[in-house]
Structure formats: C-alpha cells, structure tokens
Amino acid sequence: MTSKTVEITNETGLHTRPGNEFVSVAKTFSSQIEVENEAGKKVKGTSLLKLLSLGIKKGTKVTVYADGPDEAEAVEKLGHLLANLKD
C-alpha cells in the first residue's frame, strides 16, 4: 500500500465538479483507491458521494491510499490532482 498526504488549496475545497474528475481518474487505475480526511474517516475514492461526505474544505489535509499493481502512479497522480483542484 502506498499513500500521499496533500493540503487542499482550492478556495471552495472539494465539491462536485473536481470530485467527479477525481473519481473518473481514480477509476482508471486497477489499484483500490481510498481517501482519508483529517478526522480519520476513510472512504472509497471511486465513489463521488462518499468522497463528498468527507467535507474537504480549503486547508484540509487529506491522504490518498492505493493498494495494487499501479499504486505508486495512482497516489502520485491523484495526490497532485487534489493539491491542484480547480473550480
């Protein structure tokens, strides 16, 4: 299992549009993807509703976990995506 922690810098945090982009990219990997918020709640990274339930706001640190054959590439790409969210 590989993980990466990033801080959300987008003014509006993680909402539907960037969340949808994250889920779409997460589904391209064969590894299992999970996202954890600062409170320790961990959800599947391939579910938009579960991802939005984390309440990720600007300044929040989140950790992306991947477990599988392409885990290193997955956490790198998804971590970068979260750290550079656009509205």
PDB file of N, CA and C in Angstrom:
ATOM      1  N   MET A   1       0.854  -1.191   0.000  1.00  0.00           N
ATOM      2  CA  MET A   1       0.000   0.000   0.000  1.00  0.00           C
ATOM      3  C   MET A   1       0.889   1.240   0.000  1.00  0.00           C
ATOM      4  N   THR A   2       0.515   2.209  -0.824  1.00  0.00           N
ATOM      5  CA  THR A   2       1.230   3.467  -0.934  1.00  0.00           C
ATOM      6  C   THR A   2       0.273   4.594  -0.568  1.00  0.00           C
ATOM      7  N   SER A   3       0.795   5.653   0.039  1.00  0.00           N
ATOM      8  CA  SER A   3      -0.065   6.784   0.395  1.00  0.00           C
ATOM      9  C   SER A   3       0.656   8.100   0.170  1.00  0.00           C
ATOM     10  N   LYS A   4      -0.147   9.160   0.075  1.00  0.00           N
ATOM     11  CA  LYS A   4       0.393  10.504  -0.074  1.00  0.00           C
ATOM     12  C   LYS A   4      -0.579  11.472   0.583  1.00  0.00           C
ATOM     13  N   THR A   5      -0.048  12.394   1.399  1.00  0.00           N
ATOM     14  CA  THR A   5      -0.869  13.400   2.057  1.00  0.00           C
ATOM     15  C   THR A   5      -0.639  14.746   1.381  1.00  0.00           C
ATOM     16  N   VAL A   6      -1.744  15.434   1.092  1.00  0.00           N
ATOM     17  CA  VAL A   6      -1.677  16.747   0.448  1.00  0.00           C
ATOM     18  C   VAL A   6      -2.636  17.704   1.154  1.00  0.00           C
ATOM     19  N   GLU A   7      -2.385  18.996   0.980  1.00  0.00           N
ATOM     20  CA  GLU A   7      -3.268  20.024   1.531  1.00  0.00           C
ATOM     21  C   GLU A   7      -4.103  20.608   0.409  1.00  0.00           C
ATOM     22  N   ILE A   8      -5.386  20.791   0.676  1.00  0.00           N
ATOM     23  CA  ILE A   8      -6.301  21.349  -0.312  1.00  0.00           C
ATOM     24  C   ILE A   8      -6.128  22.874  -0.327  1.00  0.00           C
ATOM     25  N   THR A   9      -5.846  23.423  -1.496  1.00  0.00           N
ATOM     26  CA  THR A   9      -5.625  24.866  -1.616  1.00  0.00           C
ATOM     27  C   THR A   9      -6.747  25.571  -2.367  1.00  0.00           C
ATOM     28  N   ASN A  10      -7.635  24.825  -2.996  1.00  0.00           N
ATOM     29  CA  ASN A  10      -8.753  25.421  -3.730  1.00  0.00           C
ATOM     30  C   ASN A  10      -9.680  26.141  -2.754  1.00  0.00           C
ATOM     31  N   GLU A  11     -10.053  27.376  -3.085  1.00  0.00           N
ATOM     32  CA  GLU A  11     -10.913  28.199  -2.215  1.00  0.00           C
ATOM     33  C   GLU A  11     -12.220  27.501  -1.842  1.00  0.00           C
ATOM     34  N   THR A  12     -12.782  26.729  -2.746  1.00  0.00           N
ATOM     35  CA  THR A  12     -14.069  26.077  -2.481  1.00  0.00           C
ATOM     36  C   THR A  12     -13.929  24.614  -2.072  1.00  0.00           C
ATOM     37  N   GLY A  13     -12.716  24.170  -1.845  1.00  0.00           N
ATOM     38  CA  GLY A  13     -12.498  22.791  -1.402  1.00  0.00           C
ATOM     39  C   GLY A  13     -12.851  21.779  -2.479  1.00  0.00           C
ATOM     40  N   LEU A  14     -13.201  20.602  -2.038  1.00  0.00           N
ATOM     41  CA  LEU A  14     -13.573  19.522  -2.968  1.00  0.00           C
ATOM     42  C   LEU A  14     -15.089  19.477  -3.059  1.00  0.00           C
ATOM     43  N   HIS A  15     -15.620  19.879  -4.195  1.00  0.00           N
ATOM     44  CA  HIS A  15     -17.058  19.840  -4.430  1.00  0.00           C
ATOM     45  C   HIS A  15     -17.331  18.958  -5.644  1.00  0.00           C
ATOM     46  N   THR A  16     -18.533  18.989  -6.159  1.00  0.00           N
ATOM     47  CA  THR A  16     -18.967  18.032  -7.174  1.00  0.00           C
ATOM     48  C   THR A  16     -18.097  17.991  -8.430  1.00  0.00           C
ATOM     49  N   ARG A  17     -17.812  19.136  -9.025  1.00  0.00           N
ATOM     50  CA  ARG A  17     -17.067  19.126 -10.296  1.00  0.00           C
ATOM     51  C   ARG A  17     -15.669  18.531 -10.146  1.00  0.00           C
ATOM     52  N   PRO A  18     -14.817  19.047  -9.228  1.00  0.00           N
ATOM     53  CA  PRO A  18     -13.498  18.418  -9.089  1.00  0.00           C
ATOM     54  C   PRO A  18     -13.586  17.014  -8.491  1.00  0.00           C
ATOM     55  N   GLY A  19     -14.619  16.774  -7.688  1.00  0.00           N
ATOM     56  CA  GLY A  19     -14.815  15.430  -7.141  1.00  0.00           C
ATOM     57  C   GLY A  19     -15.086  14.423  -8.240  1.00  0.00           C
ATOM     58  N   ASN A  20     -15.890  14.830  -9.203  1.00  0.00           N
ATOM     59  CA  ASN A  20     -16.180  13.978 -10.356  1.00  0.00           C
ATOM     60  C   ASN A  20     -14.917  13.671 -11.145  1.00  0.00           C
ATOM     61  N   GLU A  21     -14.069  14.693 -11.314  1.00  0.00           N
ATOM     62  CA  GLU A  21     -12.806  14.499 -12.026  1.00  0.00           C
ATOM     63  C   GLU A  21     -11.918  13.504 -11.272  1.00  0.00           C
ATOM     64  N   PHE A  22     -11.853  13.661  -9.941  1.00  0.00           N
ATOM     65  CA  PHE A  22     -11.046  12.756  -9.119  1.00  0.00           C
ATOM     66  C   PHE A  22     -11.529  11.317  -9.289  1.00  0.00           C
ATOM     67  N   VAL A  23     -12.837  11.111  -9.182  1.00  0.00           N
ATOM     68  CA  VAL A  23     -13.415   9.765  -9.293  1.00  0.00           C
ATOM     69  C   VAL A  23     -13.135   9.172 -10.672  1.00  0.00           C
ATOM     70  N   SER A  24     -13.272   9.978 -11.712  1.00  0.00           N
ATOM     71  CA  SER A  24     -13.003   9.489 -13.068  1.00  0.00           C
ATOM     72  C   SER A  24     -11.565   9.020 -13.214  1.00  0.00           C
ATOM     73  N   VAL A  25     -10.634   9.803 -12.693  1.00  0.00           N
ATOM     74  CA  VAL A  25      -9.225   9.413 -12.774  1.00  0.00           C
ATOM     75  C   VAL A  25      -8.964   8.187 -11.896  1.00  0.00           C
ATOM     76  N   ALA A  26      -9.547   8.155 -10.694  1.00  0.00           N
ATOM     77  CA  ALA A  26      -9.345   7.022  -9.779  1.00  0.00           C
ATOM     78  C   ALA A  26      -9.803   5.709 -10.413  1.00  0.00           C
ATOM     79  N   LYS A  27     -10.852   5.778 -11.197  1.00  0.00           N
ATOM     80  CA  LYS A  27     -11.388   4.564 -11.841  1.00  0.00           C
ATOM     81  C   LYS A  27     -10.498   4.047 -12.964  1.00  0.00           C
ATOM     82  N   THR A  28      -9.516   4.838 -13.403  1.00  0.00           N
ATOM     83  CA  THR A  28      -8.623   4.371 -14.466  1.00  0.00           C
ATOM     84  C   THR A  28      -7.538   3.447 -13.926  1.00  0.00           C
ATOM     85  N   PHE A  29      -7.373   3.401 -12.614  1.00  0.00           N
ATOM     86  CA  PHE A  29      -6.338   2.564 -12.010  1.00  0.00           C
ATOM     87  C   PHE A  29      -6.932   1.233 -11.571  1.00  0.00           C
ATOM     88  N   SER A  30      -6.115   0.199 -11.616  1.00  0.00           N
ATOM     89  CA  SER A  30      -6.593  -1.104 -11.156  1.00  0.00           C
ATOM     90  C   SER A  30      -6.434  -1.251  -9.645  1.00  0.00           C
ATOM     91  N   SER A  31      -5.660  -0.382  -9.020  1.00  0.00           N
ATOM     92  CA  SER A  31      -5.488  -0.408  -7.559  1.00  0.00           C
ATOM     93  C   SER A  31      -6.764   0.049  -6.858  1.00  0.00           C
ATOM     94  N   GLN A  32      -6.941  -0.411  -5.635  1.00  0.00           N
ATOM     95  CA  GLN A  32      -8.027   0.073  -4.783  1.00  0.00           C
ATOM     96  C   GLN A  32      -7.623   1.449  -4.275  1.00  0.00           C
ATOM     97  N   ILE A  33      -8.493   2.446  -4.415  1.00  0.00           N
ATOM     98  CA  ILE A  33      -8.197   3.817  -4.028  1.00  0.00           C
ATOM     99  C   ILE A  33      -9.076   4.205  -2.846  1.00  0.00           C
ATOM    100  N   GLU A  34      -8.449   4.818  -1.825  1.00  0.00           N
ATOM    101  CA  GLU A  34      -9.184   5.343  -0.681  1.00  0.00           C
ATOM    102  C   GLU A  34      -8.667   6.738  -0.361  1.00  0.00           C
ATOM    103  N   VAL A  35      -9.546   7.557   0.229  1.00  0.00           N
ATOM    104  CA  VAL A  35      -9.180   8.908   0.636  1.00  0.00           C
ATOM    105  C   VAL A  35      -9.584   9.066   2.101  1.00  0.00           C
ATOM    106  N   GLU A  36      -8.692   9.666   2.888  1.00  0.00           N
ATOM    107  CA  GLU A  36      -8.931   9.843   4.319  1.00  0.00           C
ATOM    108  C   GLU A  36      -8.809  11.319   4.674  1.00  0.00           C
ATOM    109  N   ASN A  37      -9.763  11.824   5.479  1.00  0.00           N
ATOM    110  CA  ASN A  37      -9.682  13.212   5.913  1.00  0.00           C
ATOM    111  C   ASN A  37      -8.927  13.310   7.242  1.00  0.00           C
ATOM    112  N   GLU A  38      -8.776  14.534   7.753  1.00  0.00           N
ATOM    113  CA  GLU A  38      -8.008  14.750   8.987  1.00  0.00           C
ATOM    114  C   GLU A  38      -8.645  14.091  10.206  1.00  0.00           C
ATOM    115  N   ALA A  39      -9.953  13.873  10.154  1.00  0.00           N
ATOM    116  CA  ALA A  39     -10.650  13.247  11.275  1.00  0.00           C
ATOM    117  C   ALA A  39     -10.483  11.731  11.281  1.00  0.00           C
ATOM    118  N   GLY A  40      -9.846  11.192  10.240  1.00  0.00           N
ATOM    119  CA  GLY A  40      -9.622   9.748  10.180  1.00  0.00           C
ATOM    120  C   GLY A  40     -10.695   8.974   9.448  1.00  0.00           C
ATOM    121  N   LYS A  41     -11.656   9.673   8.848  1.00  0.00           N
ATOM    122  CA  LYS A  41     -12.695   8.990   8.072  1.00  0.00           C
ATOM    123  C   LYS A  41     -12.117   8.639   6.711  1.00  0.00           C
ATOM    124  N   LYS A  42     -12.212   7.369   6.342  1.00  0.00           N
ATOM    125  CA  LYS A  42     -11.651   6.872   5.079  1.00  0.00           C
ATOM    126  C   LYS A  42     -12.775   6.313   4.220  1.00  0.00           C
ATOM    127  N   VAL A  43     -12.789   6.723   2.934  1.00  0.00           N
ATOM    128  CA  VAL A  43     -13.828   6.265   2.012  1.00  0.00           C
ATOM    129  C   VAL A  43     -13.206   5.798   0.699  1.00  0.00           C
ATOM    130  N   LYS A  44     -13.993   5.072  -0.095  1.00  0.00           N
ATOM    131  CA  LYS A  44     -13.551   4.638  -1.421  1.00  0.00           C
ATOM    132  C   LYS A  44     -13.399   5.856  -2.321  1.00  0.00           C
ATOM    133  N   GLY A  45     -12.291   5.932  -3.028  1.00  0.00           N
ATOM    134  CA  GLY A  45     -12.031   7.051  -3.908  1.00  0.00           C
ATOM    135  C   GLY A  45     -12.760   6.981  -5.230  1.00  0.00           C
ATOM    136  N   THR A  46     -13.507   5.919  -5.440  1.00  0.00           N
ATOM    137  CA  THR A  46     -14.241   5.770  -6.693  1.00  0.00           C
ATOM    138  C   THR A  46     -15.732   6.064  -6.520  1.00  0.00           C
ATOM    139  N   SER A  47     -16.107   6.614  -5.364  1.00  0.00           N
ATOM    140  CA  SER A  47     -17.496   6.961  -5.097  1.00  0.00           C
ATOM    141  C   SER A  47     -17.592   8.462  -4.824  1.00  0.00           C
ATOM    142  N   LEU A  48     -18.253   9.187  -5.721  1.00  0.00           N
ATOM    143  CA  LEU A  48     -18.374  10.635  -5.562  1.00  0.00           C
ATOM    144  C   LEU A  48     -19.109  10.987  -4.271  1.00  0.00           C
ATOM    145  N   LEU A  49     -20.213  10.311  -3.985  1.00  0.00           N
ATOM    146  CA  LEU A  49     -20.980  10.629  -2.779  1.00  0.00           C
ATOM    147  C   LEU A  49     -20.160  10.409  -1.510  1.00  0.00           C
ATOM    148  N   LYS A  50     -19.430   9.318  -1.457  1.00  0.00           N
ATOM    149  CA  LYS A  50     -18.603   9.047  -0.276  1.00  0.00           C
ATOM    150  C   LYS A  50     -17.480  10.066  -0.169  1.00  0.00           C
ATOM    151  N   LEU A  51     -16.889  10.439  -1.302  1.00  0.00           N
ATOM    152  CA  LEU A  51     -15.820  11.424  -1.316  1.00  0.00           C
ATOM    153  C   LEU A  51     -16.331  12.776  -0.810  1.00  0.00           C
ATOM    154  N   LEU A  52     -17.501  13.187  -1.278  1.00  0.00           N
ATOM    155  CA  LEU A  52     -18.084  14.451  -0.836  1.00  0.00           C
ATOM    156  C   LEU A  52     -18.458  14.423   0.644  1.00  0.00           C
ATOM    157  N   SER A  53     -18.749  13.236   1.167  1.00  0.00           N
ATOM    158  CA  SER A  53     -19.126  13.119   2.586  1.00  0.00           C
ATOM    159  C   SER A  53     -17.971  13.450   3.527  1.00  0.00           C
ATOM    160  N   LEU A  54     -16.742  13.516   2.987  1.00  0.00           N
ATOM    161  CA  LEU A  54     -15.588  13.855   3.824  1.00  0.00           C
ATOM    162  C   LEU A  54     -15.557  15.334   4.190  1.00  0.00           C
ATOM    163  N   GLY A  55     -16.316  16.168   3.490  1.00  0.00           N
ATOM    164  CA  GLY A  55     -16.367  17.589   3.788  1.00  0.00           C
ATOM    165  C   GLY A  55     -15.015  18.276   3.648  1.00  0.00           C
ATOM    166  N   ILE A  56     -14.349  18.052   2.545  1.00  0.00           N
ATOM    167  CA  ILE A  56     -12.994  18.558   2.339  1.00  0.00           C
ATOM    168  C   ILE A  56     -13.031  20.036   1.946  1.00  0.00           C
ATOM    169  N   LYS A  57     -12.536  20.883   2.836  1.00  0.00           N
ATOM    170  CA  LYS A  57     -12.501  22.338   2.641  1.00  0.00           C
ATOM    171  C   LYS A  57     -11.075  22.801   2.380  1.00  0.00           C
ATOM    172  N   LYS A  58     -10.945  24.068   2.020  1.00  0.00           N
ATOM    173  CA  LYS A  58      -9.610  24.653   1.831  1.00  0.00           C
ATOM    174  C   LYS A  58      -8.818  24.531   3.131  1.00  0.00           C
ATOM    175  N   GLY A  59      -7.556  24.146   3.017  1.00  0.00           N
ATOM    176  CA  GLY A  59      -6.687  23.998   4.180  1.00  0.00           C
ATOM    177  C   GLY A  59      -6.712  22.617   4.813  1.00  0.00           C
ATOM    178  N   THR A  60      -7.646  21.774   4.386  1.00  0.00           N
ATOM    179  CA  THR A  60      -7.742  20.415   4.907  1.00  0.00           C
ATOM    180  C   THR A  60      -6.616  19.562   4.330  1.00  0.00           C
ATOM    181  N   LYS A  61      -6.041  18.716   5.160  1.00  0.00           N
ATOM    182  CA  LYS A  61      -5.059  17.751   4.675  1.00  0.00           C
ATOM    183  C   LYS A  61      -5.772  16.422   4.489  1.00  0.00           C
ATOM    184  N   VAL A  62      -5.574  15.840   3.315  1.00  0.00           N
ATOM    185  CA  VAL A  62      -6.175  14.549   3.007  1.00  0.00           C
ATOM    186  C   VAL A  62      -5.083  13.583   2.568  1.00  0.00           C
ATOM    187  N   THR A  63      -5.334  12.317   2.825  1.00  0.00           N
ATOM    188  CA  THR A  63      -4.385  11.283   2.429  1.00  0.00           C
ATOM    189  C   THR A  63      -5.039  10.369   1.418  1.00  0.00           C
ATOM    190  N   VAL A  64      -4.334  10.155   0.316  1.00  0.00           N
ATOM    191  CA  VAL A  64      -4.790   9.235  -0.726  1.00  0.00           C
ATOM    192  C   VAL A  64      -4.018   7.930  -0.535  1.00  0.00           C
ATOM    193  N   TYR A  65      -4.738   6.823  -0.510  1.00  0.00           N
ATOM    194  CA  TYR A  65      -4.145   5.487  -0.386  1.00  0.00           C
ATOM    195  C   TYR A  65      -4.451   4.699  -1.649  1.00  0.00           C
ATOM    196  N   ALA A  66      -3.500   3.907  -2.081  1.00  0.00           N
ATOM    197  CA  ALA A  66      -3.725   2.993  -3.198  1.00  0.00           C
ATOM    198  C   ALA A  66      -3.053   1.669  -2.874  1.00  0.00           C
ATOM    199  N   ASP A  67      -3.731   0.594  -3.222  1.00  0.00           N
ATOM    200  CA  ASP A  67      -3.200  -0.737  -2.988  1.00  0.00           C
ATOM    201  C   ASP A  67      -3.433  -1.566  -4.241  1.00  0.00           C
ATOM    202  N   GLY A  68      -2.352  -1.911  -4.921  1.00  0.00           N
ATOM    203  CA  GLY A  68      -2.470  -2.698  -6.139  1.00  0.00           C
ATOM    204  C   GLY A  68      -1.265  -2.504  -7.032  1.00  0.00           C
ATOM    205  N   PRO A  69      -1.344  -3.038  -8.236  1.00  0.00           N
ATOM    206  CA  PRO A  69      -0.184  -3.054  -9.131  1.00  0.00           C
ATOM    207  C   PRO A  69       0.284  -1.675  -9.601  1.00  0.00           C
ATOM    208  N   ASP A  70      -0.613  -0.688  -9.642  1.00  0.00           N
ATOM    209  CA  ASP A  70      -0.222   0.648 -10.102  1.00  0.00           C
ATOM    210  C   ASP A  70      -0.357   1.693  -8.992  1.00  0.00           C
ATOM    211  N   GLU A  71      -0.149   1.251  -7.741  1.00  0.00           N
ATOM    212  CA  GLU A  71      -0.380   2.125  -6.587  1.00  0.00           C
ATOM    213  C   GLU A  71       0.494   3.374  -6.558  1.00  0.00           C
ATOM    214  N   ALA A  72       1.757   3.266  -6.924  1.00  0.00           N
ATOM    215  CA  ALA A  72       2.653   4.426  -6.878  1.00  0.00           C
ATOM    216  C   ALA A  72       2.188   5.501  -7.858  1.00  0.00           C
ATOM    217  N   GLU A  73       1.856   5.089  -9.054  1.00  0.00           N
ATOM    218  CA  GLU A  73       1.375   6.039 -10.062  1.00  0.00           C
ATOM    219  C   GLU A  73       0.042   6.644  -9.632  1.00  0.00           C
ATOM    220  N   ALA A  74      -0.819   5.818  -9.048  1.00  0.00           N
ATOM    221  CA  ALA A  74      -2.144   6.288  -8.618  1.00  0.00           C
ATOM    222  C   ALA A  74      -2.040   7.368  -7.549  1.00  0.00           C
ATOM    223  N   VAL A  75      -1.272   7.136  -6.493  1.00  0.00           N
ATOM    224  CA  VAL A  75      -1.197   8.150  -5.425  1.00  0.00           C
ATOM    225  C   VAL A  75      -0.508   9.416  -5.914  1.00  0.00           C
ATOM    226  N   GLU A  76       0.448   9.277  -6.810  1.00  0.00           N
ATOM    227  CA  GLU A  76       1.138  10.458  -7.338  1.00  0.00           C
ATOM    228  C   GLU A  76       0.170  11.313  -8.155  1.00  0.00           C
ATOM    229  N   LYS A  77      -0.542  10.685  -9.063  1.00  0.00           N
ATOM    230  CA  LYS A  77      -1.464  11.419  -9.936  1.00  0.00           C
ATOM    231  C   LYS A  77      -2.651  11.984  -9.157  1.00  0.00           C
ATOM    232  N   LEU A  78      -3.251  11.169  -8.292  1.00  0.00           N
ATOM    233  CA  LEU A  78      -4.412  11.605  -7.535  1.00  0.00           C
ATOM    234  C   LEU A  78      -4.048  12.631  -6.466  1.00  0.00           C
ATOM    235  N   GLY A  79      -2.900  12.473  -5.851  1.00  0.00           N
ATOM    236  CA  GLY A  79      -2.427  13.463  -4.880  1.00  0.00           C
ATOM    237  C   GLY A  79      -2.202  14.805  -5.541  1.00  0.00           C
ATOM    238  N   HIS A  80      -1.583  14.791  -6.715  1.00  0.00           N
ATOM    239  CA  HIS A  80      -1.363  16.024  -7.469  1.00  0.00           C
ATOM    240  C   HIS A  80      -2.700  16.665  -7.846  1.00  0.00           C
ATOM    241  N   LEU A  81      -3.652  15.852  -8.259  1.00  0.00           N
ATOM    242  CA  LEU A  81      -4.960  16.352  -8.631  1.00  0.00           C
ATOM    243  C   LEU A  81      -5.636  17.056  -7.454  1.00  0.00           C
ATOM    244  N   LEU A  82      -5.609  16.438  -6.272  1.00  0.00           N
ATOM    245  CA  LEU A  82      -6.222  17.046  -5.092  1.00  0.00           C
ATOM    246  C   LEU A  82      -5.518  18.334  -4.671  1.00  0.00           C
ATOM    247  N   ALA A  83      -4.203  18.342  -4.744  1.00  0.00           N
ATOM    248  CA  ALA A  83      -3.443  19.513  -4.329  1.00  0.00           C
ATOM    249  C   ALA A  83      -3.634  20.684  -5.280  1.00  0.00           C
ATOM    250  N   ASN A  84      -4.079  20.416  -6.486  1.00  0.00           N
ATOM    251  CA  ASN A  84      -4.218  21.458  -7.511  1.00  0.00           C
ATOM    252  C   ASN A  84      -5.643  21.550  -8.051  1.00  0.00           C
ATOM    253  N   LEU A  85      -6.634  21.372  -7.185  1.00  0.00           N
ATOM    254  CA  LEU A  85      -8.031  21.431  -7.610  1.00  0.00           C
ATOM    255  C   LEU A  85      -8.354  22.765  -8.246  1.00  0.00           C
ATOM    256  N   LYS A  86      -9.191  22.734  -9.252  1.00  0.00           N
ATOM    257  CA  LYS A  86      -9.704  23.930  -9.911  1.00  0.00           C
ATOM    258  C   LYS A  86     -11.216  23.930  -9.800  1.00  0.00           C
ATOM    259  N   ASP A  87     -11.793  25.118  -9.745  1.00  0.00           N
ATOM    260  CA  ASP A  87     -13.263  25.217  -9.701  1.00  0.00           C
ATOM    261  C   ASP A  87     -13.793  24.851 -11.016  1.00  0.00           C
TER     262      ASP A  87
END
